C-alpha atoms as a PDB file:
ATOM      1  CA  MET A   1       3.976-208.631 -85.047  1.00  0.00           C
ATOM      2  CA  VAL A   2       4.859-207.150 -81.676  1.00  0.00           C
ATOM      3  CA  ASN A   3       3.088-204.902 -79.202  1.00  0.00           C
ATOM      4  CA  ILE A   4      -0.385-205.876 -80.391  1.00  0.00           C
ATOM      5  CA  LYS A   5      -2.855-204.868 -77.685  1.00  0.00           C
ATOM      6  CA  LYS A   6      -6.248-204.877 -79.388  1.00  0.00           C
ATOM      7  CA  ILE A   7      -7.643-206.837 -82.342  1.00  0.00           C
ATOM      8  CA  LEU A   8     -11.068-206.567 -83.976  1.00  0.00           C
ATOM      9  CA  ILE A   9     -12.707-209.240 -86.152  1.00  0.00           C
ATOM     10  CA  ILE A  10     -15.607-208.107 -88.363  1.00  0.00           C
ATOM     11  CA  ARG A  11     -18.160-210.570 -89.731  1.00  0.00           C
ATOM     12  CA  LEU A  12     -21.527-208.821 -89.709  1.00  0.00           C
ATOM     13  CA  ARG A  13     -23.704-211.872 -90.460  1.00  0.00           C
ATOM     14  CA  PHE A  14     -24.970-214.729 -90.812  1.00  0.00           C
ATOM     15  CA  ILE A  15     -25.199-217.436 -88.117  1.00  0.00           C
ATOM     16  CA  GLY A  16     -23.417-220.210 -90.015  1.00  0.00           C
ATOM     17  CA  ASP A  17     -20.752-217.859 -91.360  1.00  0.00           C
ATOM     18  CA  ILE A  18     -20.013-216.553 -87.875  1.00  0.00           C
ATOM     19  CA  VAL A  19     -19.830-220.068 -86.407  1.00  0.00           C
ATOM     20  CA  LEU A  20     -17.295-220.928 -89.112  1.00  0.00           C
ATOM     21  CA  THR A  21     -15.020-218.157 -87.809  1.00  0.00           C
ATOM     22  CA  THR A  22     -14.693-219.729 -84.339  1.00  0.00           C
ATOM     23  CA  PRO A  23     -11.492-221.667 -85.169  1.00  0.00           C
ATOM     24  CA  LEU A  24      -9.967-218.403 -86.365  1.00  0.00           C
ATOM     25  CA  ILE A  25     -11.002-216.672 -83.122  1.00  0.00           C
ATOM     26  CA  GLU A  26      -9.325-219.364 -81.034  1.00  0.00           C
ATOM     27  CA  SER A  27      -6.164-219.345 -83.154  1.00  0.00           C
ATOM     28  CA  ILE A  28      -5.739-215.563 -82.985  1.00  0.00           C
ATOM     29  CA  LYS A  29      -6.243-215.464 -79.227  1.00  0.00           C
ATOM     30  CA  LYS A  30      -3.708-218.244 -78.682  1.00  0.00           C
ATOM     31  CA  ALA A  31      -1.201-216.460 -80.934  1.00  0.00           C
ATOM     32  CA  TYR A  32      -1.747-213.155 -79.079  1.00  0.00           C
ATOM     33  CA  PRO A  33      -2.753-214.235 -75.562  1.00  0.00           C
ATOM     34  CA  THR A  34      -2.193-210.817 -73.990  1.00  0.00           C
ATOM     35  CA  ALA A  35      -4.125-208.890 -76.650  1.00  0.00           C
ATOM     36  CA  ARG A  36      -7.798-208.075 -76.183  1.00  0.00           C
ATOM     37  CA  LEU A  37      -9.865-209.687 -78.929  1.00  0.00           C
ATOM     38  CA  TYR A  38     -13.144-208.055 -80.019  1.00  0.00           C
ATOM     39  CA  TYR A  39     -15.809-209.140 -82.523  1.00  0.00           C
ATOM     40  CA  LEU A  40     -18.238-206.911 -84.457  1.00  0.00           C
ATOM     41  CA  ALA A  41     -21.483-208.366 -85.850  1.00  0.00           C
ATOM     42  CA  GLU A  42     -25.165-207.573 -86.167  1.00  0.00           C
ATOM     43  CA  ALA A  43     -27.840-208.694 -83.736  1.00  0.00           C
ATOM     44  CA  PRO A  44     -29.073-211.377 -83.293  1.00  0.00           C
ATOM     45  CA  TYR A  45     -26.198-213.194 -85.017  1.00  0.00           C
ATOM     46  CA  ILE A  46     -23.607-212.000 -82.518  1.00  0.00           C
ATOM     47  CA  GLU A  47     -25.463-213.859 -79.747  1.00  0.00           C
ATOM     48  CA  ILE A  48     -23.966-217.146 -80.931  1.00  0.00           C
ATOM     49  CA  LEU A  49     -20.541-215.915 -79.732  1.00  0.00           C
ATOM     50  CA  LYS A  50     -21.579-215.328 -76.130  1.00  0.00           C
ATOM     51  CA  GLU A  51     -19.610-217.432 -73.636  1.00  0.00           C
ATOM     52  CA  ASN A  52     -16.740-217.828 -76.123  1.00  0.00           C
ATOM     53  CA  PRO A  53     -13.677-217.843 -73.824  1.00  0.00           C
ATOM     54  CA  TYR A  54     -11.380-216.482 -76.542  1.00  0.00           C
ATOM     55  CA  LEU A  55     -13.293-213.234 -77.009  1.00  0.00           C
ATOM     56  CA  ASP A  56     -12.956-210.294 -74.642  1.00  0.00           C
ATOM     57  CA  LYS A  57     -15.803-208.167 -75.951  1.00  0.00           C
ATOM     58  CA  LEU A  58     -18.691-208.326 -78.433  1.00  0.00           C
ATOM     59  CA  LEU A  59     -19.645-205.186 -80.364  1.00  0.00           C
ATOM     60  CA  ILE A  60     -23.065-204.844 -82.003  1.00  0.00           C
ATOM     61  CA  CYS A  61     -23.270-203.259 -85.433  1.00  0.00           C
ATOM     62  CA  LYS A  62     -26.693-201.679 -85.795  1.00  0.00           C
ATOM     63  CA  LYS A  63     -28.389-202.016 -89.155  1.00  0.00           C
ATOM     64  CA  GLY A  64     -30.187-199.153 -90.813  1.00  0.00           C
ATOM     65  CA  ASN A  65     -29.464-195.543 -91.535  1.00  0.00           C
ATOM     66  CA  ILE A  66     -26.277-193.530 -91.893  1.00  0.00           C
ATOM     67  CA  PHE A  67     -26.444-192.442 -88.253  1.00  0.00           C
ATOM     68  CA  ASN A  68     -26.193-196.063 -87.079  1.00  0.00           C
ATOM     69  CA  SER A  69     -23.215-196.608 -89.374  1.00  0.00           C
ATOM     70  CA  LEU A  70     -21.549-193.446 -88.062  1.00  0.00           C
ATOM     71  CA  SER A  71     -22.175-194.576 -84.477  1.00  0.00           C
ATOM     72  CA  THR A  72     -20.540-197.935 -85.204  1.00  0.00           C
ATOM     73  CA  ILE A  73     -17.523-196.272 -86.795  1.00  0.00           C
ATOM     74  CA  LEU A  74     -17.077-193.943 -83.817  1.00  0.00           C
ATOM     75  CA  ASN A  75     -17.370-196.852 -81.368  1.00  0.00           C
ATOM     76  CA  VAL A  76     -14.710-198.766 -83.291  1.00  0.00           C
ATOM     77  CA  ARG A  77     -12.362-195.766 -83.542  1.00  0.00           C
ATOM     78  CA  LYS A  78     -12.468-195.038 -79.819  1.00  0.00           C
ATOM     79  CA  GLU A  79     -11.188-198.555 -79.046  1.00  0.00           C
ATOM     80  CA  LYS A  80      -7.907-197.777 -80.876  1.00  0.00           C
ATOM     81  CA  PHE A  81      -7.427-201.219 -82.418  1.00  0.00           C
ATOM     82  CA  ASP A  82      -4.003-202.298 -83.630  1.00  0.00           C
ATOM     83  CA  ILE A  83      -5.440-204.839 -86.096  1.00  0.00           C
ATOM     84  CA  VAL A  84      -8.846-204.929 -87.791  1.00  0.00           C
ATOM     85  CA  ILE A  85      -9.730-208.027 -89.836  1.00  0.00           C
ATOM     86  CA  ASP A  86     -12.675-207.671 -92.210  1.00  0.00           C
ATOM     87  CA  LEU A  87     -14.077-211.143 -92.906  1.00  0.00           C
ATOM     88  CA  PHE A  88     -17.272-209.801 -94.491  1.00  0.00           C
ATOM     89  CA  GLY A  89     -16.031-207.542 -97.254  1.00  0.00           C
ATOM     90  CA  ASN A  90     -19.210-205.624 -98.060  1.00  0.00           C
ATOM     91  CA  PRO A  91     -19.212-201.817 -98.489  1.00  0.00           C
ATOM     92  CA  ARG A  92     -20.180-201.157 -94.863  1.00  0.00           C
ATOM     93  CA  SER A  93     -17.622-203.483 -93.270  1.00  0.00           C
ATOM     94  CA  ALA A  94     -14.934-202.168 -95.633  1.00  0.00           C
ATOM     95  CA  LEU A  95     -15.741-198.573 -94.651  1.00  0.00           C
ATOM     96  CA  ILE A  96     -15.693-199.437 -90.935  1.00  0.00           C
ATOM     97  CA  THR A  97     -12.300-201.061 -91.421  1.00  0.00           C
ATOM     98  CA  TYR A  98     -10.948-198.134 -93.439  1.00  0.00           C
ATOM     99  CA  LEU A  99     -12.040-195.563 -90.835  1.00  0.00           C
ATOM    100  CA  SER A 100     -11.097-197.687 -87.803  1.00  0.00           C
ATOM    101  CA  GLY A 101      -7.745-195.996 -87.343  1.00  0.00           C
ATOM    102  CA  ALA A 102      -6.043-199.374 -87.000  1.00  0.00           C
ATOM    103  CA  LYS A 103      -2.395-199.676 -87.977  1.00  0.00           C
ATOM    104  CA  ILE A 104      -3.064-202.996 -89.735  1.00  0.00           C
ATOM    105  CA  ARG A 105      -6.261-203.425 -91.756  1.00  0.00           C
ATOM    106  CA  LEU A 106      -6.840-206.826 -93.356  1.00  0.00           C
ATOM    107  CA  GLY A 107      -9.310-207.729 -96.070  1.00  0.00           C
ATOM    108  CA  TRP A 108      -9.736-209.353 -99.485  1.00  0.00           C
ATOM    109  CA  ASN A 109      -9.139-207.522-102.742  1.00  0.00           C
ATOM    110  CA  LEU A 110     -12.742-207.990-103.852  1.00  0.00           C
ATOM    111  CA  ARG A 111     -15.187-205.813-105.787  1.00  0.00           C
ATOM    112  CA  GLY A 112     -13.110-202.629-105.611  1.00  0.00           C
ATOM    113  CA  ARG A 113     -12.650-202.649-101.841  1.00  0.00           C
ATOM    114  CA  ARG A 114      -8.871-202.727-101.966  1.00  0.00           C
ATOM    115  CA  TYR A 115      -8.895-199.097-100.761  1.00  0.00           C
ATOM    116  CA  ALA A 116     -10.036-200.113 -97.263  1.00  0.00           C
ATOM    117  CA  TYR A 117      -7.069-202.339 -96.439  1.00  0.00           C
ATOM    118  CA  ASN A 118      -3.318-201.975 -96.160  1.00  0.00           C
ATOM    119  CA  THR A 119      -2.802-205.742 -95.860  1.00  0.00           C
ATOM    120  CA  ILE A 120      -4.442-207.985 -98.443  1.00  0.00           C
ATOM    121  CA  ILE A 121      -5.367-211.502 -97.346  1.00  0.00           C
ATOM    122  CA  LYS A 122      -3.423-214.080 -99.325  1.00  0.00           C
ATOM    123  CA  SER A 123      -5.346-216.642-101.339  1.00  0.00           C
ATOM    124  CA  HIS A 124      -3.193-219.625-102.200  1.00  0.00           C
ATOM    125  CA  ILE A 125      -5.689-222.523-102.103  1.00  0.00           C
ATOM    126  CA  LEU A 126      -7.465-223.187-105.396  1.00  0.00           C
ATOM    127  CA  LYS A 127     -10.383-225.282-104.104  1.00  0.00           C
ATOM    128  CA  LYS A 128     -11.213-223.639-100.810  1.00  0.00           C
ATOM    129  CA  ASN A 129     -13.743-224.690 -98.220  1.00  0.00           C
ATOM    130  CA  ALA A 130     -14.977-222.122 -95.707  1.00  0.00           C
ATOM    131  CA  LEU A 131     -12.370-223.050 -93.076  1.00  0.00           C
ATOM    132  CA  ASP A 132      -9.523-222.979 -95.606  1.00  0.00           C
ATOM    133  CA  VAL A 133     -10.519-219.430 -96.480  1.00  0.00           C
ATOM    134  CA  TYR A 134     -10.052-218.378 -92.878  1.00  0.00           C
ATOM    135  CA  GLN A 135      -6.748-220.233 -92.735  1.00  0.00           C
ATOM    136  CA  ASN A 136      -5.642-217.846 -95.494  1.00  0.00           C
ATOM    137  CA  VAL A 137      -6.349-215.003 -93.057  1.00  0.00           C
ATOM    138  CA  LEU A 138      -4.186-216.622 -90.384  1.00  0.00           C
ATOM    139  CA  ASP A 139      -1.405-217.305 -92.888  1.00  0.00           C
ATOM    140  CA  THR A 140      -1.415-213.620 -93.815  1.00  0.00           C
ATOM    141  CA  ILE A 141      -0.635-212.626 -90.222  1.00  0.00           C
ATOM    142  CA  GLY A 142       1.806-215.475 -89.671  1.00  0.00           C
ATOM    143  CA  ILE A 143      -0.289-217.884 -87.583  1.00  0.00           C
ATOM    144  CA  LYS A 144       0.362-221.555 -88.382  1.00  0.00           C
ATOM    145  CA  GLY A 145      -1.088-224.859 -87.189  1.00  0.00           C
ATOM    146  CA  ALA A 146      -4.538-223.524 -86.445  1.00  0.00           C
ATOM    147  CA  THR A 147      -7.452-225.650 -85.304  1.00  0.00           C
ATOM    148  CA  GLN A 148     -10.255-226.364 -87.783  1.00  0.00           C
ATOM    149  CA  LYS A 149     -12.826-227.370 -85.187  1.00  0.00           C
ATOM    150  CA  THR A 150     -15.791-225.023 -84.818  1.00  0.00           C
ATOM    151  CA  LYS A 151     -17.181-224.450 -81.323  1.00  0.00           C
ATOM    152  CA  VAL A 152     -20.223-222.859 -79.730  1.00  0.00           C
ATOM    153  CA  TYR A 153     -20.097-222.472 -75.961  1.00  0.00           C
ATOM    154  CA  LEU A 154     -22.998-222.680 -73.522  1.00  0.00           C
ATOM    155  CA  SER A 155     -23.116-221.702 -69.858  1.00  0.00           C
ATOM    156  CA  LYS A 156     -24.190-224.093 -67.091  1.00  0.00           C
ATOM    157  CA  GLU A 157     -27.350-222.040 -66.705  1.00  0.00           C
ATOM    158  CA  GLU A 158     -28.201-222.419 -70.390  1.00  0.00           C
ATOM    159  CA  LYS A 159     -27.693-226.179 -70.271  1.00  0.00           C
ATOM    160  CA  LYS A 160     -29.859-226.368 -67.162  1.00  0.00           C
ATOM    161  CA  TYR A 161     -32.549-224.335 -68.902  1.00  0.00           C
ATOM    162  CA  ALA A 162     -32.594-226.788 -71.808  1.00  0.00           C
ATOM    163  CA  PHE A 163     -32.753-229.803 -69.526  1.00  0.00           C
ATOM    164  CA  ASN A 164     -35.657-228.348 -67.536  1.00  0.00           C
ATOM    165  CA  PHE A 165     -37.526-227.300 -70.693  1.00  0.00           C
ATOM    166  CA  LEU A 166     -37.353-230.780 -72.194  1.00  0.00           C
ATOM    167  CA  LYS A 167     -38.220-232.371 -68.877  1.00  0.00           C
ATOM    168  CA  THR A 168     -41.440-230.336 -68.723  1.00  0.00           C
ATOM    169  CA  LYS A 169     -42.237-231.554 -72.253  1.00  0.00           C
ATOM    170  CA  GLY A 170     -42.013-235.175 -71.125  1.00  0.00           C
ATOM    171  CA  ILE A 171     -38.673-236.070 -72.686  1.00  0.00           C
ATOM    172  CA  ASN A 172     -37.155-239.326 -71.448  1.00  0.00           C
ATOM    173  CA  PHE A 173     -33.397-238.742 -71.285  1.00  0.00           C
ATOM    174  CA  ASN A 174     -32.781-242.496 -71.367  1.00  0.00           C
ATOM    175  CA  LYS A 175     -34.097-242.615 -74.948  1.00  0.00           C
ATOM    176  CA  LYS A 176     -32.688-241.062 -78.103  1.00  0.00           C
ATOM    177  CA  ILE A 177     -33.576-237.440 -78.797  1.00  0.00           C
ATOM    178  CA  ILE A 178     -33.602-236.642 -82.516  1.00  0.00           C
ATOM    179  CA  GLY A 179     -33.899-233.089 -83.798  1.00  0.00           C
ATOM    180  CA  ILE A 180     -35.134-232.242 -87.285  1.00  0.00           C
ATOM    181  CA  HIS A 181     -35.028-228.809 -88.925  1.00  0.00           C
ATOM    182  CA  PRO A 182     -37.123-228.593 -92.123  1.00  0.00           C
ATOM    183  CA  GLY A 183     -36.498-224.873 -92.723  1.00  0.00           C
ATOM    184  CA  ALA A 184     -33.782-222.894 -94.506  1.00  0.00           C
ATOM    185  CA  SER A 185     -32.987-219.335 -95.504  1.00  0.00           C
ATOM    186  CA  TRP A 186     -34.102-219.973 -99.088  1.00  0.00           C
ATOM    187  CA  PRO A 187     -36.753-222.285-100.600  1.00  0.00           C
ATOM    188  CA  ALA A 188     -34.245-223.990-102.917  1.00  0.00           C
ATOM    189  CA  LYS A 189     -32.323-225.282 -99.898  1.00  0.00           C
ATOM    190  CA  MET A 190     -35.359-227.028 -98.426  1.00  0.00           C
ATOM    191  CA  TRP A 191     -35.912-230.770 -98.716  1.00  0.00           C
ATOM    192  CA  GLN A 192     -39.594-231.472 -99.286  1.00  0.00           C
ATOM    193  CA  LYS A 193     -41.605-230.982 -96.078  1.00  0.00           C
ATOM    194  CA  GLU A 194     -43.580-234.164 -96.726  1.00  0.00           C
ATOM    195  CA  LYS A 195     -40.326-236.109 -96.565  1.00  0.00           C
ATOM    196  CA  PHE A 196     -39.497-234.618 -93.181  1.00  0.00           C
ATOM    197  CA  VAL A 197     -42.896-235.811 -91.971  1.00  0.00           C
ATOM    198  CA  SER A 198     -42.207-239.333 -93.239  1.00  0.00           C
ATOM    199  CA  LEU A 199     -38.718-239.299 -91.726  1.00  0.00           C
ATOM    200  CA  GLY A 200     -40.087-238.168 -88.361  1.00  0.00           C
ATOM    201  CA  GLU A 201     -42.642-240.987 -88.384  1.00  0.00           C
ATOM    202  CA  LYS A 202     -39.921-243.556 -89.095  1.00  0.00           C
ATOM    203  CA  ILE A 203     -37.779-242.211 -86.231  1.00  0.00           C
ATOM    204  CA  LEU A 204     -40.728-242.465 -83.850  1.00  0.00           C
ATOM    205  CA  LYS A 205     -41.257-246.106 -84.899  1.00  0.00           C
ATOM    206  CA  LEU A 206     -37.596-246.669 -84.039  1.00  0.00           C
ATOM    207  CA  LYS A 207     -38.511-245.509 -80.505  1.00  0.00           C
ATOM    208  CA  GLY A 208     -36.810-242.169 -80.911  1.00  0.00           C
ATOM    209  CA  GLN A 209     -38.139-238.878 -79.564  1.00  0.00           C
ATOM    210  CA  VAL A 210     -38.491-236.118 -82.146  1.00  0.00           C
ATOM    211  CA  ILE A 211     -38.030-232.387 -81.731  1.00  0.00           C
ATOM    212  CA  VAL A 212     -38.970-230.156 -84.666  1.00  0.00           C
ATOM    213  CA  PHE A 213     -36.807-227.022 -84.713  1.00  0.00           C
ATOM    214  CA  GLY A 214     -37.432-223.791 -86.569  1.00  0.00           C
ATOM    215  CA  GLY A 215     -37.011-220.052 -86.471  1.00  0.00           C
ATOM    216  CA  PRO A 216     -39.475-217.199 -87.086  1.00  0.00           C
ATOM    217  CA  LYS A 217     -39.116-217.520 -90.879  1.00  0.00           C
ATOM    218  CA  ASP A 218     -39.838-221.259 -90.760  1.00  0.00           C
ATOM    219  CA  LYS A 219     -43.310-220.978 -89.222  1.00  0.00           C
ATOM    220  CA  GLU A 220     -45.263-222.370 -92.187  1.00  0.00           C
ATOM    221  CA  VAL A 221     -43.068-225.405 -92.810  1.00  0.00           C
ATOM    222  CA  ILE A 222     -42.618-226.412 -89.160  1.00  0.00           C
ATOM    223  CA  GLU A 223     -46.343-226.109 -88.503  1.00  0.00           C
ATOM    224  CA  TYR A 224     -46.977-228.361 -91.514  1.00  0.00           C
ATOM    225  CA  VAL A 225     -44.518-230.974 -90.236  1.00  0.00           C
ATOM    226  CA  TYR A 226     -45.874-230.779 -86.689  1.00  0.00           C
ATOM    227  CA  ASN A 227     -49.545-230.997 -87.720  1.00  0.00           C
ATOM    228  CA  SER A 228     -48.936-233.792 -90.239  1.00  0.00           C
ATOM    229  CA  MET A 229     -47.235-236.188 -87.831  1.00  0.00           C
ATOM    230  CA  LYS A 230     -49.582-238.678 -86.199  1.00  0.00           C
ATOM    231  CA  ILE A 231     -47.649-238.695 -82.943  1.00  0.00           C
ATOM    232  CA  LYS A 232     -46.927-235.076 -82.122  1.00  0.00           C
ATOM    233  CA  PRO A 233     -43.260-234.149 -81.716  1.00  0.00           C
ATOM    234  CA  ILE A 234     -41.948-231.391 -79.468  1.00  0.00           C
ATOM    235  CA  LEU A 235     -41.902-228.037 -81.240  1.00  0.00           C
ATOM    236  CA  VAL A 236     -39.041-225.607 -80.656  1.00  0.00           C
ATOM    237  CA  SER A 237     -39.881-222.277 -82.260  1.00  0.00           C
ATOM    238  CA  ASP A 238     -39.927-218.606 -81.249  1.00  0.00           C
ATOM    239  CA  PHE A 239     -36.953-219.058 -78.932  1.00  0.00           C
ATOM    240  CA  SER A 240     -33.931-216.819 -78.623  1.00  0.00           C
ATOM    241  CA  LEU A 241     -30.821-217.969 -80.458  1.00  0.00           C
ATOM    242  CA  ARG A 242     -29.158-218.972 -77.187  1.00  0.00           C
ATOM    243  CA  GLU A 243     -32.219-220.908 -75.967  1.00  0.00           C
ATOM    244  CA  PHE A 244     -32.535-222.589 -79.361  1.00  0.00           C
ATOM    245  CA  SER A 245     -28.870-223.631 -79.228  1.00  0.00           C
ATOM    246  CA  SER A 246     -29.076-224.925 -75.664  1.00  0.00           C
ATOM    247  CA  ILE A 247     -32.058-227.169 -76.527  1.00  0.00           C
ATOM    248  CA  LEU A 248     -30.300-228.318 -79.693  1.00  0.00           C
ATOM    249  CA  SER A 249     -27.286-229.340 -77.584  1.00  0.00           C
ATOM    250  CA  MET A 250     -29.457-231.956 -75.841  1.00  0.00           C
ATOM    251  CA  CYS A 251     -30.086-233.888 -79.068  1.00  0.00           C
ATOM    252  CA  ASP A 252     -28.407-237.206 -79.818  1.00  0.00           C
ATOM    253  CA  LEU A 253     -28.765-236.563 -83.552  1.00  0.00           C
ATOM    254  CA  PHE A 254     -29.790-233.609 -85.724  1.00  0.00           C
ATOM    255  CA  ILE A 255     -31.161-233.817 -89.286  1.00  0.00           C
ATOM    256  CA  THR A 256     -31.321-230.553 -91.169  1.00  0.00           C
ATOM    257  CA  ASN A 257     -31.147-228.671 -94.423  1.00  0.00           C
ATOM    258  CA  ASP A 258     -28.121-226.547 -95.267  1.00  0.00           C
ATOM    259  CA  ASN A 259     -28.673-223.679 -92.819  1.00  0.00           C
ATOM    260  CA  GLY A 260     -27.275-221.888 -89.762  1.00  0.00           C
ATOM    261  CA  PRO A 261     -28.506-224.468 -87.225  1.00  0.00           C
ATOM    262  CA  MET A 262     -26.537-227.130 -89.152  1.00  0.00           C
ATOM    263  CA  HIS A 263     -23.334-225.282 -88.234  1.00  0.00           C
ATOM    264  CA  ILE A 264     -24.500-224.688 -84.647  1.00  0.00           C
ATOM    265  CA  ALA A 265     -25.212-228.401 -84.125  1.00  0.00           C
ATOM    266  CA  ILE A 266     -21.779-229.423 -85.389  1.00  0.00           C
ATOM    267  CA  ALA A 267     -20.105-226.728 -83.268  1.00  0.00           C
ATOM    268  CA  LEU A 268     -21.959-228.222 -80.278  1.00  0.00           C
ATOM    269  CA  ASN A 269     -20.595-231.654 -81.265  1.00  0.00           C
ATOM    270  CA  VAL A 270     -24.065-233.044 -81.957  1.00  0.00           C
ATOM    271  CA  PRO A 271     -24.019-235.837 -84.606  1.00  0.00           C
ATOM    272  CA  THR A 272     -25.520-234.243 -87.697  1.00  0.00           C
ATOM    273  CA  ILE A 273     -26.966-235.216 -91.076  1.00  0.00           C
ATOM    274  CA  ALA A 274     -27.163-232.326 -93.544  1.00  0.00           C
ATOM    275  CA  ILE A 275     -29.312-232.400 -96.674  1.00  0.00           C
ATOM    276  CA  PHE A 276     -27.816-230.415 -99.548  1.00  0.00           C
ATOM    277  CA  GLY A 277     -29.543-229.257-102.716  1.00  0.00           C
ATOM    278  CA  PRO A 278     -28.147-226.486-104.947  1.00  0.00           C
ATOM    279  CA  SER A 279     -25.169-225.489-102.774  1.00  0.00           C
ATOM    280  CA  GLU A 280     -21.752-227.097-102.441  1.00  0.00           C
ATOM    281  CA  PRO A 281     -20.940-229.245 -99.387  1.00  0.00           C
ATOM    282  CA  ASP A 282     -17.277-229.208-100.440  1.00  0.00           C
ATOM    283  CA  ILE A 283     -17.319-225.548 -99.438  1.00  0.00           C
ATOM    284  CA  TRP A 284     -20.038-225.283 -96.802  1.00  0.00           C
ATOM    285  CA  PHE A 285     -19.628-228.621 -95.025  1.00  0.00           C
ATOM    286  CA  PRO A 286     -15.898-228.606 -94.164  1.00  0.00           C
ATOM    287  CA  TYR A 287     -16.260-231.221 -91.423  1.00  0.00           C
ATOM    288  CA  ARG A 288     -14.228-234.412 -91.336  1.00  0.00           C
ATOM    289  CA  SER A 289     -15.618-236.315 -88.347  1.00  0.00           C
ATOM    290  CA  LYS A 290     -17.598-239.537 -88.882  1.00  0.00           C
ATOM    291  CA  LYS A 291     -20.266-237.956 -86.659  1.00  0.00           C
ATOM    292  CA  PHE A 292     -21.125-235.409 -89.337  1.00  0.00           C
ATOM    293  CA  LYS A 293     -22.578-236.564 -92.653  1.00  0.00           C
ATOM    294  CA  PHE A 294     -24.118-234.860 -95.660  1.00  0.00           C
ATOM    295  CA  ILE A 295     -26.218-236.227 -98.470  1.00  0.00           C
ATOM    296  CA  LYS A 296     -26.582-234.727-101.932  1.00  0.00           C
ATOM    297  CA  LYS A 297     -27.391-235.892-105.457  1.00  0.00           C
ATOM    298  CA  ASP A 298     -25.510-235.179-108.648  1.00  0.00           C
ATOM    299  CA  VAL A 299     -27.797-233.684-111.247  1.00  0.00           C
ATOM    300  CA  ILE A 300     -26.918-232.001-114.523  1.00  0.00           C
ATOM    301  CA  CYS A 301     -27.720-228.499-113.239  1.00  0.00           C
ATOM    302  CA  TRP A 302     -25.739-228.813-109.988  1.00  0.00           C
ATOM    303  CA  PRO A 303     -24.402-226.635-108.456  1.00  0.00           C
ATOM    304  CA  CYS A 304     -26.778-223.892-109.568  1.00  0.00           C
ATOM    305  CA  LYS A 305     -26.498-222.082-106.177  1.00  0.00           C
ATOM    306  CA  ARG A 306     -29.991-220.698-106.682  1.00  0.00           C
ATOM    307  CA  ASP A 307     -32.166-219.386-103.867  1.00  0.00           C
ATOM    308  CA  PHE A 308     -35.359-220.193-105.774  1.00  0.00           C
ATOM    309  CA  CYS A 309     -36.019-223.039-108.212  1.00  0.00           C
ATOM    310  CA  ASP A 310     -39.155-224.474-109.827  1.00  0.00           C
ATOM    311  CA  ASP A 311     -37.487-227.782-110.669  1.00  0.00           C
ATOM    312  CA  LEU A 312     -35.638-229.043-107.590  1.00  0.00           C
ATOM    313  CA  LYS A 313     -34.321-232.281-109.059  1.00  0.00           C
ATOM    314  CA  CYS A 314     -31.427-232.265-106.590  1.00  0.00           C
ATOM    315  CA  MET A 315     -33.830-232.413-103.630  1.00  0.00           C
ATOM    316  CA  GLU A 316     -36.425-234.640-105.256  1.00  0.00           C
ATOM    317  CA  LYS A 317     -33.827-237.368-105.848  1.00  0.00           C
ATOM    318  CA  ILE A 318     -32.982-237.615-102.142  1.00  0.00           C
ATOM    319  CA  LYS A 319     -35.188-240.360-100.744  1.00  0.00           C
ATOM    320  CA  VAL A 320     -36.478-240.667 -97.200  1.00  0.00           C
ATOM    321  CA  SER A 321     -35.049-244.187 -97.042  1.00  0.00           C
ATOM    322  CA  GLU A 322     -31.535-242.881 -97.804  1.00  0.00           C
ATOM    323  CA  VAL A 323     -31.654-240.325 -95.016  1.00  0.00           C
ATOM    324  CA  PHE A 324     -33.191-242.868 -92.638  1.00  0.00           C
ATOM    325  CA  ASN A 325     -30.368-245.309 -93.367  1.00  0.00           C
ATOM    326  CA  LEU A 326     -27.906-242.614 -92.306  1.00  0.00           C
ATOM    327  CA  VAL A 327     -29.966-242.031 -89.167  1.00  0.00           C
ATOM    328  CA  LYS A 328     -29.626-245.711 -88.250  1.00  0.00           C
ATOM    329  CA  LYS A 329     -25.855-245.608 -88.862  1.00  0.00           C
ATOM    330  CA  LEU A 330     -25.502-242.623 -86.527  1.00  0.00           C
ATOM    331  CA  TRP A 331     -27.944-244.035 -83.934  1.00  0.00           C
ATOM    332  CA  ILE A 332     -25.274-243.841 -81.257  1.00  0.00           C
END
């Protein structure tokens, strides 16, 4: 493709899904170094892409009524993109792509949305993880040899903020800092909160320093973990996504459920242990470094992919001792 001046990537949400597109962002920019590369996503998810050196501009897609959708479409059209790549594939992102005015409109032939695209993304990998899926996108536009390493970028000011915050909380930077995140988007993805308490206590006995992370939706579970621990950890909650990420970057190890912060930690190159229940790590944990480990149990109903479950055998079978043994192996 020649004379490509402007490219738009659309992935409206969520945090982990957007982080997984960062290798694609880098690959496209390197293939078209003179083109301006834009990204369209909803707030607050788009915040995770700030400071990304391969993006020229971030566009916010406002949620809500038809007027917000019309405003987004008009904002996209006025940029006169040469290529629009829809990585989300829902009705709204398909419509934005269709009405973008771009010469080349890429998307998947899914759920009747073929109308929105004039270039269908090839799918030639039978067992695809999340990064392989995006490699299909690159293959479709002729980009080979792409990186598969996810990255989140922080400014010097953000790193300084995190350092100063932890310093005021009494953190000793000569000792290990271990982050735990007991929350998740859905209850079925959550390891039992009592086990996180027990794990935190064991880490403290190992002379580690524990930070309990959580977002607004995790208030109940993180308060339980915090209040149940005999020696109180540091609590990181009600922070902006960028502040949350900068504090997370200071950890020597991060233990978490399958959630967005899991992907952020890995993209920040923080050694990570992920606890999987009903979802598939073969798809959602496409990381090959020895620094990144997952643990899951095979049960007869796996993978059910449920958001809610009254009989979480997959989580119940994961013992605190098993996770703690992984902690000791990654105690770098």
